[in-house]
Amino acid sequence: MKLSKTVFRFMLVIMSFLTLLTAALFLFQEPGTDGYVISVVSLVIQIGFLLVVGIALYRDWDPFAAVEDSL
């Protein structure tokens, strides 16, 4: 298995957990508070990161090919 695919899958698992955790926090927050705004911004960034990692896995992008070849 390619090093890049392993790294991207690890990042996908970690970011999925953090996204679910952030989404679960919305049950305990009131709209308009500072914490709510921070959670919304954090969720948008996490979803964007998930999309980038998902696209990298789908397209089989290999940015770590040089590192893998040197090992």
N, C-alpha and C. Protein backbone atom coordinates (compact mmCIF):
# COMPACT_ATOMS: atom_id res chain seq x y z
N MET A 1 0.85 -1.18 0.00
CA MET A 1 0.00 0.00 0.00
C MET A 1 0.89 1.24 0.00
N LYS A 2 0.45 2.23 -0.72
CA LYS A 2 1.23 3.46 -0.82
C LYS A 2 1.20 4.22 0.51
N LEU A 3 2.29 4.90 0.78
CA LEU A 3 2.39 5.71 1.99
C LEU A 3 1.34 6.81 2.00
N SER A 4 1.12 7.43 0.85
CA SER A 4 0.15 8.53 0.76
C SER A 4 -1.25 8.05 1.11
N LYS A 5 -1.63 6.90 0.61
CA LYS A 5 -2.97 6.37 0.88
C LYS A 5 -3.14 6.07 2.36
N THR A 6 -2.10 5.57 3.00
CA THR A 6 -2.15 5.29 4.44
C THR A 6 -2.30 6.58 5.23
N VAL A 7 -1.53 7.59 4.87
CA VAL A 7 -1.60 8.88 5.57
C VAL A 7 -2.97 9.52 5.37
N PHE A 8 -3.48 9.50 4.14
CA PHE A 8 -4.79 10.11 3.87
C PHE A 8 -5.91 9.37 4.61
N ARG A 9 -5.83 8.05 4.68
CA ARG A 9 -6.86 7.31 5.41
C ARG A 9 -6.81 7.62 6.90
N PHE A 10 -5.61 7.73 7.45
CA PHE A 10 -5.46 8.09 8.86
C PHE A 10 -6.05 9.48 9.12
N MET A 11 -5.74 10.43 8.24
CA MET A 11 -6.28 11.79 8.39
C MET A 11 -7.80 11.79 8.25
N LEU A 12 -8.34 10.95 7.37
CA LEU A 12 -9.78 10.87 7.18
C LEU A 12 -10.48 10.36 8.44
N VAL A 13 -9.90 9.37 9.08
CA VAL A 13 -10.49 8.83 10.31
C VAL A 13 -10.45 9.88 11.43
N ILE A 14 -9.32 10.52 11.61
CA ILE A 14 -9.18 11.53 12.68
C ILE A 14 -10.13 12.71 12.43
N MET A 15 -10.17 13.21 11.20
CA MET A 15 -11.02 14.36 10.90
C MET A 15 -12.50 13.99 10.97
N SER A 16 -12.85 12.78 10.61
CA SER A 16 -14.25 12.34 10.73
C SER A 16 -14.68 12.33 12.19
N PHE A 17 -13.82 11.82 13.05
CA PHE A 17 -14.13 11.83 14.48
C PHE A 17 -14.29 13.25 15.02
N LEU A 18 -13.37 14.14 14.66
CA LEU A 18 -13.45 15.52 15.14
C LEU A 18 -14.69 16.23 14.60
N THR A 19 -15.07 15.94 13.35
CA THR A 19 -16.26 16.55 12.77
C THR A 19 -17.52 16.07 13.48
N LEU A 20 -17.60 14.78 13.76
CA LEU A 20 -18.75 14.26 14.50
C LEU A 20 -18.82 14.83 15.91
N LEU A 21 -17.68 14.97 16.54
CA LEU A 21 -17.62 15.55 17.89
C LEU A 21 -18.08 17.01 17.87
N THR A 22 -17.62 17.76 16.90
CA THR A 22 -18.02 19.16 16.79
C THR A 22 -19.51 19.28 16.49
N ALA A 23 -20.02 18.40 15.61
CA ALA A 23 -21.45 18.43 15.29
C ALA A 23 -22.30 18.07 16.51
N ALA A 24 -21.82 17.16 17.34
CA ALA A 24 -22.55 16.78 18.55
C ALA A 24 -22.61 17.93 19.56
N LEU A 25 -21.62 18.80 19.53
CA LEU A 25 -21.61 19.94 20.46
C LEU A 25 -22.72 20.95 20.18
N PHE A 26 -23.27 20.93 18.97
CA PHE A 26 -24.35 21.87 18.64
C PHE A 26 -25.59 21.64 19.50
N LEU A 27 -25.75 20.44 20.03
CA LEU A 27 -26.89 20.15 20.89
C LEU A 27 -26.82 20.91 22.21
N PHE A 28 -25.63 21.28 22.62
CA PHE A 28 -25.42 21.91 23.92
C PHE A 28 -25.11 23.40 23.83
N GLN A 29 -25.20 23.98 22.64
CA GLN A 29 -24.85 25.39 22.47
C GLN A 29 -26.06 26.20 22.05
N GLU A 30 -26.02 27.47 22.43
CA GLU A 30 -27.09 28.39 22.04
C GLU A 30 -26.62 29.21 20.85
N PRO A 31 -27.48 29.33 19.83
CA PRO A 31 -27.12 30.15 18.66
C PRO A 31 -26.82 31.59 19.06
N GLY A 32 -25.81 32.15 18.44
CA GLY A 32 -25.44 33.54 18.69
C GLY A 32 -24.33 33.72 19.71
N THR A 33 -23.98 32.67 20.44
CA THR A 33 -22.90 32.81 21.42
C THR A 33 -21.55 32.67 20.73
N ASP A 34 -20.51 33.07 21.44
CA ASP A 34 -19.16 32.98 20.88
C ASP A 34 -18.77 31.53 20.57
N GLY A 35 -19.10 30.63 21.47
CA GLY A 35 -18.77 29.23 21.27
C GLY A 35 -19.47 28.64 20.05
N TYR A 36 -20.69 29.08 19.80
CA TYR A 36 -21.44 28.61 18.63
C TYR A 36 -20.76 29.05 17.34
N VAL A 37 -20.32 30.30 17.30
CA VAL A 37 -19.65 30.83 16.11
C VAL A 37 -18.34 30.09 15.87
N ILE A 38 -17.59 29.84 16.93
CA ILE A 38 -16.34 29.09 16.80
C ILE A 38 -16.61 27.68 16.30
N SER A 39 -17.67 27.06 16.80
CA SER A 39 -18.02 25.71 16.35
C SER A 39 -18.40 25.69 14.87
N VAL A 40 -19.13 26.69 14.41
CA VAL A 40 -19.52 26.76 13.01
C VAL A 40 -18.29 26.92 12.12
N VAL A 41 -17.39 27.81 12.49
CA VAL A 41 -16.17 28.02 11.71
C VAL A 41 -15.32 26.75 11.71
N SER A 42 -15.20 26.12 12.86
CA SER A 42 -14.43 24.88 12.96
C SER A 42 -15.05 23.78 12.10
N LEU A 43 -16.37 23.68 12.11
CA LEU A 43 -17.05 22.66 11.31
C LEU A 43 -16.86 22.89 9.82
N VAL A 44 -16.90 24.14 9.39
CA VAL A 44 -16.68 24.45 7.97
C VAL A 44 -15.26 24.07 7.55
N ILE A 45 -14.29 24.38 8.38
CA ILE A 45 -12.89 24.04 8.07
C ILE A 45 -12.72 22.52 8.03
N GLN A 46 -13.32 21.82 8.97
CA GLN A 46 -13.19 20.36 9.02
C GLN A 46 -13.85 19.70 7.82
N ILE A 47 -15.01 20.18 7.42
CA ILE A 47 -15.68 19.62 6.25
C ILE A 47 -14.87 19.88 4.99
N GLY A 48 -14.28 21.06 4.89
CA GLY A 48 -13.40 21.35 3.75
C GLY A 48 -12.20 20.42 3.72
N PHE A 49 -11.62 20.17 4.87
CA PHE A 49 -10.48 19.27 4.96
C PHE A 49 -10.88 17.85 4.58
N LEU A 50 -12.07 17.41 5.03
CA LEU A 50 -12.56 16.09 4.66
C LEU A 50 -12.75 15.96 3.15
N LEU A 51 -13.25 17.02 2.52
CA LEU A 51 -13.42 17.00 1.07
C LEU A 51 -12.08 16.88 0.35
N VAL A 52 -11.09 17.63 0.81
CA VAL A 52 -9.76 17.58 0.18
C VAL A 52 -9.15 16.18 0.33
N VAL A 53 -9.24 15.61 1.51
CA VAL A 53 -8.69 14.27 1.73
C VAL A 53 -9.46 13.23 0.92
N GLY A 54 -10.78 13.37 0.86
CA GLY A 54 -11.59 12.45 0.07
C GLY A 54 -11.24 12.51 -1.41
N ILE A 55 -11.07 13.71 -1.92
CA ILE A 55 -10.68 13.86 -3.33
C ILE A 55 -9.29 13.29 -3.57
N ALA A 56 -8.37 13.50 -2.64
CA ALA A 56 -7.02 12.96 -2.79
C ALA A 56 -7.04 11.43 -2.80
N LEU A 57 -7.88 10.82 -1.97
CA LEU A 57 -8.00 9.37 -1.98
C LEU A 57 -8.66 8.87 -3.26
N TYR A 58 -9.69 9.57 -3.70
CA TYR A 58 -10.41 9.15 -4.91
C TYR A 58 -9.54 9.24 -6.15
N ARG A 59 -8.76 10.31 -6.24
CA ARG A 59 -7.91 10.52 -7.41
C ARG A 59 -6.57 9.80 -7.31
N ASP A 60 -6.34 9.14 -6.19
CA ASP A 60 -5.10 8.38 -5.98
C ASP A 60 -3.87 9.27 -6.08
N TRP A 61 -3.95 10.46 -5.46
CA TRP A 61 -2.85 11.41 -5.46
C TRP A 61 -1.72 10.86 -4.60
N ASP A 62 -0.50 10.99 -5.05
CA ASP A 62 0.66 10.43 -4.34
C ASP A 62 1.73 11.50 -4.11
N PRO A 63 1.51 12.41 -3.15
CA PRO A 63 2.50 13.46 -2.93
C PRO A 63 3.74 12.96 -2.18
N PHE A 64 3.67 11.78 -1.57
CA PHE A 64 4.79 11.25 -0.82
C PHE A 64 5.58 10.21 -1.59
N ALA A 65 5.49 10.24 -2.92
CA ALA A 65 6.20 9.25 -3.74
C ALA A 65 7.71 9.36 -3.58
N ALA A 66 8.23 10.57 -3.51
CA ALA A 66 9.67 10.76 -3.36
C ALA A 66 10.16 10.24 -2.02
N VAL A 67 9.37 10.44 -0.97
CA VAL A 67 9.74 9.96 0.36
C VAL A 67 9.71 8.44 0.37
N GLU A 68 8.69 7.87 -0.25
CA GLU A 68 8.55 6.41 -0.27
C GLU A 68 9.68 5.75 -1.08
N ASP A 69 10.08 6.40 -2.17
CA ASP A 69 11.16 5.85 -2.99
C ASP A 69 12.50 5.91 -2.28
N SER A 70 12.69 6.88 -1.40
CA SER A 70 13.97 7.03 -0.72
C SER A 70 14.11 6.06 0.45
N LEU A 71 13.01 5.47 0.89
CA LEU A 71 13.07 4.53 2.03
C LEU A 71 13.54 3.20 1.60
